[in-house]
Amino acid sequence: MRTPGRWWRHKSTPEKVETYTRWSFHFFAVMEFFSVGVTSVAPLGARLGSAVMLVVAVHAGLCFVTVSRAIDWTRGRRPQPTGLLWTLASVTATIAVVALGIAEHGPRGEDVDTAAGGVFGVILIFGPGIIALGVRDRRRAFAIAGGFAAGAWTVAFALGAPLLTALLTALIVLTGGVFIAFTAVFSIWLLNAVYQLDEARETRIRLAVAEERLRFGRDLHDVMGRNLAVIALKSELAVQLAQRGRPEAVTQMVEVQRLAQESQREVREVVRGYREADLGSELTGAQGVLAAAGIDCTVGGAPVAGLPGAVQSALGWVVREAATNVLRHGDARRCAVRLQVLEGRVVLSVENDGVSEAGKEPGAGPPGSGLAGLRERLAEIEGTLEAGPAGRGLFRLTAEIPLPAPSAPPGAAPAVVASRPVSEVTS
């Protein structure tokens, strides 16, 4: 069973913003019911007050549903709720007229006037603001608030309110309605902007992968294109010579064999360049990729220079896999990479604050992939890998590899390799 904290951390940043926006406007409907619906029972009496509370509850329920439908429409998940918007507008206008009628011609008393006026004002402020969520044009959203304010002045004046009182009432309705409408328009704009930024980040990552594939394809073409063309020509020549019984056919086929072996060697070198990870390059690349994705990445610790090639290659793979997991899993804002050279071992730690689900190891997959593949790779050089939560909302991946003992002359005292201060890692 998921706890509320895990449910929230499992969401992406756009989903969190959408949830926050949705429940903020849902809270307006709840606040409307408790602020003017429940509080109307005492001053208006049990019968009339209960009726007013029920009517306000219906309006709050309509607002609640309209918020969900309107936000889903803005995200393209359902058609525009035009009918629901007109229904909410009609119910808002009707409740406002009834509340104003109670204030002008209902039971006498200051408490009655205050309760009815509160219902009138709150309904006319929250109603247009909620309707603005389902309108794409900003000017039209503000025009709706202005229309309700004009209607409030007209109805108040028609029911016998003094001109100045009617104007003041309309001004209050206009100010509150425009403020809620502006909040709605800005919230929808911000929500769409967050989704667009997230889509742009995903597109940037996909383009980077596609560019790397194209580069790999160009390298293979450069390596194999010429050799395959020569092999094809020499094979054709060997066939023609063999058909004529010429001994030169054997020489051509020997050349074809040599070219094929050379092509094999060159392909292995190209692939080895992609399979062998350089620690300095991987640290620089990870920092750049994470920064492009909006993640603050810091790299510090001991310099890379001087580490054995096998150790650098293994740790380079650790950095590459860790950066990939930070991008693909959770919702990190910060990532810290630290390299330490201690006595007889080198330790690389990658810590980020984007734990997607407490206790879950991101990147763990079938054997031979993800962290499982890293453990197998490190085990070949007697290294270890640990990954797991490191505090509230933090995830830490730590790789430790023993260093080969340095060769020393007989009788010489063993050198102690201490942890060095932070400096340029790629120096």
Protein backbone atom coordinates (compact mmCIF):
# COMPACT_ATOMS: atom_id res chain seq x y z
CA MET A 1 0.00 0.00 0.00
CA ARG A 2 1.43 3.35 -1.06
CA THR A 3 1.79 6.12 1.44
CA PRO A 4 0.87 9.70 0.42
CA GLY A 5 4.56 10.61 0.34
CA ARG A 6 5.39 7.80 -2.09
CA TRP A 7 2.38 8.70 -4.24
CA TRP A 8 3.61 12.28 -4.51
CA ARG A 9 7.29 11.38 -5.14
CA HIS A 10 6.25 8.92 -7.84
CA LYS A 11 4.85 11.79 -9.95
CA SER A 12 6.88 13.74 -12.46
CA THR A 13 7.28 17.50 -12.12
CA PRO A 14 4.50 18.32 -14.65
CA GLU A 15 2.16 15.87 -12.90
CA LYS A 16 2.92 17.51 -9.56
CA VAL A 17 2.14 20.97 -10.98
CA GLU A 18 -1.09 19.66 -12.49
CA THR A 19 -2.15 18.05 -9.20
CA TYR A 20 -1.35 21.26 -7.31
CA THR A 21 -3.34 23.37 -9.80
CA ARG A 22 -6.30 21.01 -9.81
CA TRP A 23 -6.61 20.81 -6.03
CA SER A 24 -6.04 24.54 -5.56
CA PHE A 25 -9.20 25.26 -7.53
CA HIS A 26 -11.01 22.36 -5.89
CA PHE A 27 -10.21 24.07 -2.62
CA PHE A 28 -12.04 27.17 -3.86
CA ALA A 29 -15.22 25.10 -4.16
CA VAL A 30 -14.74 23.62 -0.70
CA MET A 31 -14.04 27.06 0.76
CA GLU A 32 -17.17 28.43 -0.91
CA PHE A 33 -19.37 25.79 0.73
CA PHE A 34 -17.99 26.26 4.23
CA SER A 35 -17.63 30.06 4.10
CA VAL A 36 -21.14 30.97 2.92
CA GLY A 37 -23.11 27.73 2.75
CA VAL A 38 -22.69 26.36 6.25
CA THR A 39 -22.60 29.82 7.88
CA SER A 40 -25.99 30.76 6.37
CA VAL A 41 -27.98 28.28 8.43
CA ALA A 42 -27.92 30.23 11.71
CA PRO A 43 -28.88 33.74 10.47
CA LEU A 44 -31.45 32.57 7.89
CA GLY A 45 -33.13 29.98 10.08
CA ALA A 46 -33.26 26.23 9.86
CA ARG A 47 -35.57 25.98 6.83
CA LEU A 48 -34.33 28.85 4.66
CA GLY A 49 -30.72 28.42 5.79
CA SER A 50 -30.72 24.71 4.97
CA ALA A 51 -32.14 25.47 1.53
CA VAL A 52 -29.44 28.07 0.89
CA MET A 53 -26.73 25.66 2.11
CA LEU A 54 -28.04 22.98 -0.26
CA VAL A 55 -28.03 25.40 -3.18
CA VAL A 56 -24.49 26.51 -2.39
CA ALA A 57 -23.44 22.85 -2.14
CA VAL A 58 -24.84 22.24 -5.63
CA HIS A 59 -22.88 25.22 -6.95
CA ALA A 60 -19.69 24.04 -5.21
CA GLY A 61 -20.16 20.56 -6.69
CA LEU A 62 -20.56 22.05 -10.17
CA CYS A 63 -17.38 24.07 -9.63
CA PHE A 64 -15.57 20.93 -8.49
CA VAL A 65 -16.56 18.99 -11.61
CA THR A 66 -15.89 21.96 -13.91
CA VAL A 67 -12.34 22.31 -12.60
CA SER A 68 -11.53 18.67 -13.42
CA ARG A 69 -13.16 18.75 -16.86
CA ALA A 70 -11.60 22.11 -17.79
CA ILE A 71 -8.07 21.07 -16.81
CA ASP A 72 -8.46 17.79 -18.68
CA TRP A 73 -9.57 19.82 -21.71
CA THR A 74 -6.54 22.08 -21.56
CA ARG A 75 -4.33 18.98 -21.59
CA GLY A 76 -6.20 17.53 -24.58
CA ARG A 77 -7.71 14.58 -22.71
CA ARG A 78 -11.39 15.44 -23.37
CA PRO A 79 -13.46 17.93 -25.43
CA GLN A 80 -14.21 21.41 -24.13
CA PRO A 81 -16.98 21.16 -21.47
CA THR A 82 -19.12 23.86 -23.10
CA GLY A 83 -22.40 22.55 -21.71
CA LEU A 84 -21.00 22.34 -18.20
CA LEU A 85 -19.66 25.90 -18.43
CA TRP A 86 -23.07 27.26 -19.48
CA THR A 87 -24.73 25.27 -16.70
CA LEU A 88 -22.36 26.71 -14.11
CA ALA A 89 -22.94 30.23 -15.45
CA SER A 90 -26.73 29.81 -15.27
CA VAL A 91 -26.66 28.34 -11.77
CA THR A 92 -24.29 31.12 -10.62
CA ALA A 93 -26.57 33.85 -11.97
CA THR A 94 -29.71 32.24 -10.49
CA ILE A 95 -28.21 31.81 -7.02
CA ALA A 96 -26.93 35.40 -7.07
CA VAL A 97 -30.37 36.79 -7.98
CA VAL A 98 -32.06 34.70 -5.27
CA ALA A 99 -29.50 35.78 -2.66
CA LEU A 100 -29.95 39.44 -3.61
CA GLY A 101 -33.73 39.02 -3.45
CA ILE A 102 -33.44 37.58 0.06
CA ALA A 103 -31.29 40.52 1.12
CA GLU A 104 -33.73 43.10 -0.30
CA HIS A 105 -37.12 41.47 0.31
CA GLY A 106 -36.52 38.59 2.69
CA PRO A 107 -36.63 38.45 6.48
CA ARG A 108 -35.43 41.62 8.15
CA GLY A 109 -32.27 41.66 10.17
CA GLU A 110 -28.64 42.59 9.82
CA ASP A 111 -27.54 38.96 10.08
CA VAL A 112 -29.86 38.01 7.22
CA ASP A 113 -28.53 40.78 5.00
CA THR A 114 -24.93 39.83 5.79
CA ALA A 115 -25.49 36.14 5.06
CA ALA A 116 -27.37 36.79 1.82
CA GLY A 117 -24.80 39.37 0.71
CA GLY A 118 -21.99 36.92 1.42
CA VAL A 119 -23.65 34.25 -0.72
CA PHE A 120 -24.21 36.82 -3.49
CA GLY A 121 -20.62 38.05 -3.50
CA VAL A 122 -18.81 34.72 -3.13
CA ILE A 123 -20.92 32.99 -5.76
CA LEU A 124 -20.35 35.78 -8.29
CA ILE A 125 -16.60 35.85 -7.59
CA PHE A 126 -15.84 32.11 -7.64
CA GLY A 127 -18.24 31.23 -10.48
CA PRO A 128 -16.65 33.33 -13.26
CA GLY A 129 -13.17 32.41 -12.02
CA ILE A 130 -13.89 28.70 -12.37
CA ILE A 131 -15.51 29.27 -15.78
CA ALA A 132 -12.29 30.99 -16.93
CA LEU A 133 -10.49 27.65 -16.65
CA GLY A 134 -12.50 26.34 -19.60
CA VAL A 135 -11.96 29.38 -21.85
CA ARG A 136 -8.89 29.57 -24.07
CA ASP A 137 -9.00 33.30 -24.88
CA ARG A 138 -7.77 35.44 -21.98
CA ARG A 139 -9.81 38.48 -23.01
CA ARG A 140 -12.94 36.37 -23.06
CA ALA A 141 -12.12 35.05 -19.57
CA PHE A 142 -11.86 38.58 -18.19
CA ALA A 143 -14.98 39.62 -20.15
CA ILE A 144 -16.95 36.91 -18.35
CA ALA A 145 -16.00 38.42 -14.98
CA GLY A 146 -16.95 41.87 -16.29
CA GLY A 147 -20.28 40.57 -17.56
CA PHE A 148 -21.19 39.11 -14.20
CA ALA A 149 -20.22 42.39 -12.50
CA ALA A 150 -22.45 44.33 -14.91
CA GLY A 151 -25.27 41.89 -14.27
CA ALA A 152 -24.79 42.29 -10.52
CA TRP A 153 -25.19 46.07 -10.84
CA THR A 154 -28.27 45.72 -13.03
CA VAL A 155 -30.04 43.22 -10.77
CA ALA A 156 -29.14 45.08 -7.58
CA PHE A 157 -30.42 48.37 -8.96
CA ALA A 158 -33.57 46.71 -10.35
CA LEU A 159 -34.39 45.16 -6.96
CA GLY A 160 -34.34 48.58 -5.28
CA ALA A 161 -30.75 48.98 -4.09
CA PRO A 162 -29.42 52.59 -4.15
CA LEU A 163 -27.30 53.48 -7.16
CA LEU A 164 -24.11 53.93 -5.15
CA THR A 165 -24.66 50.63 -3.32
CA ALA A 166 -25.26 48.84 -6.61
CA LEU A 167 -22.08 50.32 -8.10
CA LEU A 168 -20.04 49.36 -5.04
CA THR A 169 -21.43 45.82 -5.20
CA ALA A 170 -20.56 45.56 -8.90
CA LEU A 171 -17.04 46.87 -8.23
CA ILE A 172 -16.44 44.25 -5.53
CA VAL A 173 -17.72 41.50 -7.82
CA LEU A 174 -15.58 42.79 -10.69
CA THR A 175 -12.40 42.97 -8.60
CA GLY A 176 -12.83 39.52 -7.08
CA GLY A 177 -13.92 37.91 -10.34
CA VAL A 178 -11.04 39.39 -12.33
CA PHE A 179 -8.57 38.27 -9.66
CA ILE A 180 -9.82 34.65 -9.69
CA ALA A 181 -9.99 34.69 -13.51
CA PHE A 182 -6.41 35.97 -13.68
CA THR A 183 -5.35 33.23 -11.26
CA ALA A 184 -7.04 30.64 -13.47
CA VAL A 185 -5.51 31.95 -16.70
CA PHE A 186 -2.03 32.19 -15.19
CA SER A 187 -2.27 28.72 -13.61
CA ILE A 188 -3.24 27.12 -16.93
CA TRP A 189 -0.45 28.99 -18.73
CA LEU A 190 2.07 27.83 -16.13
CA LEU A 191 0.81 24.23 -16.32
CA ASN A 192 1.12 24.15 -20.12
CA ALA A 193 4.57 25.76 -19.94
CA VAL A 194 5.81 23.09 -17.50
CA TYR A 195 4.54 20.30 -19.77
CA GLN A 196 6.15 21.94 -22.81
CA LEU A 197 9.48 22.27 -21.01
CA ASP A 198 9.33 18.62 -19.98
CA GLU A 199 8.55 17.59 -23.56
CA ALA A 200 11.44 19.76 -24.79
CA ARG A 201 13.80 18.04 -22.35
CA GLU A 202 12.67 14.61 -23.55
CA THR A 203 13.10 15.75 -27.15
CA ARG A 204 16.61 17.02 -26.38
CA ILE A 205 17.55 13.66 -24.88
CA ARG A 206 16.12 11.75 -27.87
CA LEU A 207 18.00 14.04 -30.27
CA ALA A 208 21.23 13.42 -28.39
CA VAL A 209 20.71 9.66 -28.68
CA ALA A 210 19.84 9.98 -32.39
CA GLU A 211 22.94 12.12 -32.99
CA GLU A 212 25.13 9.52 -31.30
CA ARG A 213 23.61 6.79 -33.46
CA LEU A 214 24.26 8.82 -36.59
CA ARG A 215 27.85 9.37 -35.52
CA PHE A 216 28.29 5.65 -34.95
CA GLY A 217 26.76 4.97 -38.36
CA ARG A 218 29.11 7.46 -40.03
CA ASP A 219 32.12 5.86 -38.34
CA LEU A 220 31.09 2.40 -39.53
CA HIS A 221 30.46 3.71 -43.03
CA ASP A 222 33.87 5.37 -43.13
CA VAL A 223 35.55 2.17 -41.92
CA MET A 224 33.64 -0.39 -43.96
CA GLY A 225 32.57 1.49 -47.08
CA ARG A 226 35.92 1.60 -48.85
CA ASN A 227 36.99 -1.90 -47.81
CA LEU A 228 33.72 -3.51 -48.89
CA ALA A 229 33.88 -1.77 -52.24
CA VAL A 230 37.43 -3.05 -52.81
CA ILE A 231 36.45 -6.55 -51.65
CA ALA A 232 33.54 -6.61 -54.12
CA LEU A 233 35.75 -5.50 -57.02
CA LYS A 234 38.55 -7.94 -56.23
CA SER A 235 36.08 -10.81 -55.74
CA GLU A 236 34.56 -10.08 -59.14
CA LEU A 237 38.03 -9.94 -60.68
CA ALA A 238 38.98 -13.24 -59.00
CA VAL A 239 35.85 -14.91 -60.41
CA GLN A 240 36.68 -13.74 -63.93
CA LEU A 241 40.30 -14.86 -63.60
CA ALA A 242 39.25 -18.24 -62.22
CA GLN A 243 36.83 -18.76 -65.12
CA ARG A 244 39.74 -18.19 -67.50
CA GLY A 245 42.01 -20.53 -65.54
CA ARG A 246 44.42 -17.77 -64.63
CA PRO A 247 46.61 -18.33 -61.51
CA GLU A 248 46.28 -14.66 -60.54
CA ALA A 249 42.82 -15.50 -59.13
CA VAL A 250 44.49 -16.99 -56.06
CA THR A 251 46.42 -13.78 -55.47
CA GLN A 252 43.24 -11.70 -55.68
CA MET A 253 41.43 -13.96 -53.22
CA VAL A 254 44.36 -13.72 -50.80
CA GLU A 255 44.01 -9.93 -51.02
CA VAL A 256 40.27 -10.25 -50.40
CA GLN A 257 40.99 -12.33 -47.30
CA ARG A 258 43.47 -9.72 -46.06
CA LEU A 259 40.98 -6.89 -46.58
CA ALA A 260 38.26 -8.84 -44.76
CA GLN A 261 40.53 -9.43 -41.76
CA GLU A 262 41.56 -5.77 -41.74
CA SER A 263 37.89 -4.73 -41.82
CA GLN A 264 37.18 -7.00 -38.87
CA ARG A 265 40.00 -5.40 -36.92
CA GLU A 266 38.85 -1.86 -37.74
CA VAL A 267 35.24 -2.63 -36.77
CA ARG A 268 36.43 -4.06 -33.46
CA GLU A 269 38.37 -0.87 -32.81
CA VAL A 270 35.32 1.29 -33.56
CA VAL A 271 33.09 -0.79 -31.31
CA ARG A 272 35.75 -0.90 -28.59
CA GLY A 273 35.80 2.89 -28.62
CA TYR A 274 32.13 2.87 -27.73
CA ARG A 275 32.36 0.03 -25.25
CA GLU A 276 35.31 1.44 -23.32
CA ALA A 277 34.28 4.43 -21.20
CA ASP A 278 36.82 7.11 -20.33
CA LEU A 279 36.20 8.41 -16.80
CA GLY A 280 37.17 12.02 -17.49
CA SER A 281 35.02 12.20 -20.62
CA GLU A 282 32.10 10.50 -18.90
CA LEU A 283 32.24 12.94 -15.96
CA THR A 284 32.25 15.94 -18.31
CA GLY A 285 29.52 14.43 -20.46
CA ALA A 286 27.30 13.55 -17.50
CA GLN A 287 27.65 17.05 -16.09
CA GLY A 288 26.68 18.59 -19.42
CA VAL A 289 23.72 16.26 -20.04
CA LEU A 290 22.31 16.73 -16.54
CA ALA A 291 22.74 20.50 -16.76
CA ALA A 292 20.86 20.49 -20.08
CA ALA A 293 18.03 18.63 -18.34
CA GLY A 294 17.84 21.29 -15.62
CA ILE A 295 19.67 19.26 -12.96
CA ASP A 296 22.43 20.95 -10.98
CA CYS A 297 25.38 18.54 -11.17
CA THR A 298 28.60 19.08 -9.19
CA VAL A 299 31.74 17.00 -9.69
CA GLY A 300 34.55 17.00 -7.14
CA GLY A 301 37.18 14.93 -5.42
CA ALA A 302 40.51 13.52 -6.51
CA PRO A 303 41.83 13.98 -10.07
CA VAL A 304 41.36 11.24 -12.64
CA ALA A 305 44.97 11.31 -13.86
CA GLY A 306 47.05 8.45 -12.52
CA LEU A 307 44.28 5.89 -12.15
CA PRO A 308 44.80 2.61 -14.02
CA GLY A 309 43.04 2.31 -17.37
CA ALA A 310 40.85 -0.61 -16.28
CA VAL A 311 39.70 1.32 -13.20
CA GLN A 312 38.91 4.43 -15.24
CA SER A 313 36.94 2.39 -17.77
CA ALA A 314 34.87 0.64 -15.09
CA LEU A 315 34.14 3.89 -13.22
CA GLY A 316 33.29 5.58 -16.51
CA TRP A 317 30.56 3.00 -17.00
CA VAL A 318 29.32 3.67 -13.47
CA VAL A 319 29.06 7.41 -14.19
CA ARG A 320 27.30 6.76 -17.50
CA GLU A 321 24.73 4.42 -15.95
CA ALA A 322 24.18 6.70 -12.95
CA ALA A 323 23.56 9.75 -15.16
CA THR A 324 21.13 7.74 -17.28
CA ASN A 325 19.22 6.62 -14.18
CA VAL A 326 19.03 10.18 -12.84
CA LEU A 327 17.47 11.29 -16.13
CA ARG A 328 15.10 8.34 -16.53
CA HIS A 329 14.03 7.70 -12.94
CA GLY A 330 12.72 10.02 -10.23
CA ASP A 331 12.66 13.79 -10.43
CA ALA A 332 16.08 15.01 -9.38
CA ARG A 333 17.05 18.66 -8.97
CA ARG A 334 20.60 18.11 -7.73
CA CYS A 335 23.26 15.50 -8.34
CA ALA A 336 26.71 15.28 -6.73
CA VAL A 337 29.56 13.12 -8.04
CA ARG A 338 32.62 12.62 -5.85
CA LEU A 339 35.80 10.64 -6.54
CA GLN A 340 38.07 9.64 -3.65
CA VAL A 341 41.38 7.83 -3.80
CA LEU A 342 41.95 6.21 -0.40
CA GLU A 343 44.55 3.77 0.84
CA GLY A 344 44.50 0.89 -1.59
CA ARG A 345 41.16 1.67 -3.21
CA VAL A 346 39.23 4.25 -5.22
CA VAL A 347 35.65 5.18 -4.32
CA LEU A 348 33.15 6.90 -6.64
CA SER A 349 29.82 8.09 -5.24
CA VAL A 350 26.88 9.57 -7.15
CA GLU A 351 24.11 11.07 -5.00
CA ASN A 352 20.88 12.68 -6.19
CA ASP A 353 17.65 13.90 -4.59
CA GLY A 354 15.27 12.34 -7.11
CA VAL A 355 14.19 9.11 -5.42
CA SER A 356 11.05 8.10 -7.32
CA GLU A 357 9.91 5.51 -4.81
CA ALA A 358 11.47 4.96 -1.40
CA GLY A 359 13.53 1.85 -1.21
CA LYS A 360 13.40 1.17 -4.93
CA GLU A 361 16.67 0.81 -6.75
CA PRO A 362 16.40 2.82 -9.98
CA GLY A 363 17.88 1.27 -13.01
CA ALA A 364 17.65 -2.28 -11.69
CA GLY A 365 16.54 -4.52 -14.48
CA PRO A 366 17.11 -8.01 -15.86
CA PRO A 367 20.54 -9.57 -15.37
CA GLY A 368 23.17 -8.03 -17.63
CA SER A 369 21.52 -4.61 -17.74
CA GLY A 370 21.41 -1.58 -15.49
CA LEU A 371 23.01 -1.91 -12.09
CA ALA A 372 23.16 -5.68 -12.37
CA GLY A 373 25.40 -5.34 -15.42
CA LEU A 374 27.59 -2.83 -13.57
CA ARG A 375 28.05 -5.22 -10.66
CA GLU A 376 29.18 -7.93 -13.06
CA ARG A 377 31.60 -5.54 -14.76
CA LEU A 378 33.07 -4.36 -11.43
CA ALA A 379 33.30 -7.91 -10.12
CA GLU A 380 35.76 -8.72 -12.91
CA ILE A 381 38.27 -6.34 -11.27
CA GLU A 382 37.20 -7.22 -7.68
CA GLY A 383 35.09 -4.06 -7.35
CA THR A 384 31.77 -3.64 -5.57
CA LEU A 385 28.68 -1.54 -6.16
CA GLU A 386 26.13 -0.38 -3.60
CA ALA A 387 22.95 1.52 -4.38
CA GLY A 388 20.06 2.58 -2.19
CA PRO A 389 18.39 5.39 -0.23
CA ALA A 390 20.76 7.70 1.64
CA GLY A 391 18.37 9.76 3.69
CA ARG A 392 15.12 11.58 3.12
CA GLY A 393 14.54 11.76 -0.63
CA LEU A 394 18.20 10.95 -1.45
CA PHE A 395 19.62 8.08 -3.47
CA ARG A 396 23.31 7.19 -3.49
CA LEU A 397 25.27 4.90 -5.78
CA THR A 398 28.77 3.97 -4.57
CA ALA A 399 31.38 2.03 -6.53
CA GLU A 400 34.59 0.83 -4.84
CA ILE A 401 37.52 -0.70 -6.70
CA PRO A 402 40.80 -1.89 -5.14
CA LEU A 403 43.93 -0.36 -6.64
CA PRO A 404 46.81 -2.61 -7.71
CA ALA A 405 49.72 -2.53 -5.28
CA PRO A 406 52.52 -0.24 -6.55
CA SER A 407 55.81 -1.87 -7.30
CA ALA A 408 58.45 -0.75 -4.77
CA PRO A 409 62.14 -1.64 -4.36
CA PRO A 410 62.98 -4.22 -1.68
CA GLY A 411 63.10 -2.75 1.83
CA ALA A 412 61.31 0.45 0.85
CA ALA A 413 58.57 1.67 3.15
CA PRO A 414 55.07 1.32 1.69
CA ALA A 415 53.60 4.58 0.43
CA VAL A 416 50.29 5.72 1.83
CA VAL A 417 47.92 7.18 -0.74
CA ALA A 418 45.70 9.61 1.09
CA SER A 419 42.57 11.26 -0.12
CA ARG A 420 43.47 14.31 -2.17
CA PRO A 421 41.65 17.64 -2.08
CA VAL A 422 39.01 18.70 -4.54
CA SER A 423 40.49 19.80 -7.84
CA GLU A 424 39.88 19.55 -11.53
CA VAL A 425 38.65 16.00 -12.04
CA THR A 426 39.49 15.85 -15.69
CA SER A 427 43.02 17.25 -15.28
